Amino acid sequence: MANPVAVAARLQNRKTIFAVDVDEEHIVDAREALRKASSKMPLRVRILEEKLN
């Protein structure tokens, strides 16, 4: 019997994977961090912005 080599998460379409809460002055940095993280994901990624009160 072999040992497991890797672990994978089963994701559904249109589910949030990462959520970041930042001040307006750090939006550019947050988008860049999410863009870099998305390059490591084996799927298409959309980065959405939502302004909260």
C-alpha atoms as a PDB file:
ATOM      1  CA  MET A   1       0.000   0.000   0.000  1.00  0.00           C
ATOM      2  CA  ALA A   2       1.251   3.428  -0.946  1.00  0.00           C
ATOM      3  CA  ASN A   3       1.016   6.604   1.083  1.00  0.00           C
ATOM      4  CA  PRO A   4      -0.926   9.600  -0.278  1.00  0.00           C
ATOM      5  CA  VAL A   5       1.258  11.929  -2.330  1.00  0.00           C
ATOM      6  CA  ALA A   6      -0.893  15.062  -2.307  1.00  0.00           C
ATOM      7  CA  VAL A   7      -4.110  16.569  -1.028  1.00  0.00           C
ATOM      8  CA  ALA A   8      -6.598  18.449  -3.212  1.00  0.00           C
ATOM      9  CA  ALA A   9      -9.699  20.488  -2.461  1.00  0.00           C
ATOM     10  CA  ARG A  10     -12.846  19.916  -4.494  1.00  0.00           C
ATOM     11  CA  LEU A  11     -14.221  23.324  -5.454  1.00  0.00           C
ATOM     12  CA  GLN A  12     -17.603  24.180  -6.910  1.00  0.00           C
ATOM     13  CA  ASN A  13     -18.148  26.804  -9.611  1.00  0.00           C
ATOM     14  CA  ARG A  14     -18.584  30.394  -8.471  1.00  0.00           C
ATOM     15  CA  LYS A  15     -17.392  29.760  -4.915  1.00  0.00           C
ATOM     16  CA  THR A  16     -15.202  32.277  -3.107  1.00  0.00           C
ATOM     17  CA  ILE A  17     -11.725  30.931  -2.452  1.00  0.00           C
ATOM     18  CA  PHE A  18     -10.020  34.037  -1.036  1.00  0.00           C
ATOM     19  CA  ALA A  19     -11.590  37.104   0.567  1.00  0.00           C
ATOM     20  CA  VAL A  20      -9.536  40.156   1.548  1.00  0.00           C
ATOM     21  CA  ASP A  21     -10.733  43.117   3.623  1.00  0.00           C
ATOM     22  CA  VAL A  22      -8.472  46.149   3.111  1.00  0.00           C
ATOM     23  CA  ASP A  23      -8.611  49.928   3.355  1.00  0.00           C
ATOM     24  CA  GLU A  24      -8.979  51.909   0.125  1.00  0.00           C
ATOM     25  CA  GLU A  25      -5.306  52.866   0.166  1.00  0.00           C
ATOM     26  CA  HIS A  26      -4.289  49.186  -0.033  1.00  0.00           C
ATOM     27  CA  ILE A  27      -6.626  48.036  -2.826  1.00  0.00           C
ATOM     28  CA  VAL A  28      -3.837  48.015  -5.417  1.00  0.00           C
ATOM     29  CA  ASP A  29      -1.618  45.887  -3.164  1.00  0.00           C
ATOM     30  CA  ALA A  30      -4.467  43.474  -2.439  1.00  0.00           C
ATOM     31  CA  ARG A  31      -5.262  43.063  -6.140  1.00  0.00           C
ATOM     32  CA  GLU A  32      -1.592  42.351  -6.874  1.00  0.00           C
ATOM     33  CA  ALA A  33      -1.432  39.770  -4.074  1.00  0.00           C
ATOM     34  CA  LEU A  34      -4.580  38.049  -5.372  1.00  0.00           C
ATOM     35  CA  ARG A  35      -3.231  38.119  -8.930  1.00  0.00           C
ATOM     36  CA  LYS A  36      -0.037  36.403  -7.786  1.00  0.00           C
ATOM     37  CA  ALA A  37      -2.005  33.841  -5.784  1.00  0.00           C
ATOM     38  CA  SER A  38      -4.265  33.136  -8.769  1.00  0.00           C
ATOM     39  CA  SER A  39      -1.275  32.199 -10.895  1.00  0.00           C
ATOM     40  CA  LYS A  40      -0.703  29.258  -8.533  1.00  0.00           C
ATOM     41  CA  MET A  41      -4.265  27.963  -8.975  1.00  0.00           C
ATOM     42  CA  PRO A  42      -5.023  25.379 -11.679  1.00  0.00           C
ATOM     43  CA  LEU A  43      -8.204  27.171 -12.762  1.00  0.00           C
ATOM     44  CA  ARG A  44      -9.474  30.445 -14.159  1.00  0.00           C
ATOM     45  CA  VAL A  45      -9.770  33.139 -11.508  1.00  0.00           C
ATOM     46  CA  ARG A  46     -11.795  36.335 -11.412  1.00  0.00           C
ATOM     47  CA  ILE A  47     -10.937  39.092  -8.960  1.00  0.00           C
ATOM     48  CA  LEU A  48     -14.011  41.030  -7.885  1.00  0.00           C
ATOM     49  CA  GLU A  49     -14.119  44.204  -5.818  1.00  0.00           C
ATOM     50  CA  GLU A  50     -17.011  45.042  -3.537  1.00  0.00           C
ATOM     51  CA  LYS A  51     -17.167  48.227  -1.514  1.00  0.00           C
ATOM     52  CA  LEU A  52     -18.506  47.673   2.002  1.00  0.00           C
ATOM     53  CA  ASN A  53     -19.929  50.328   4.291  1.00  0.00           C
END
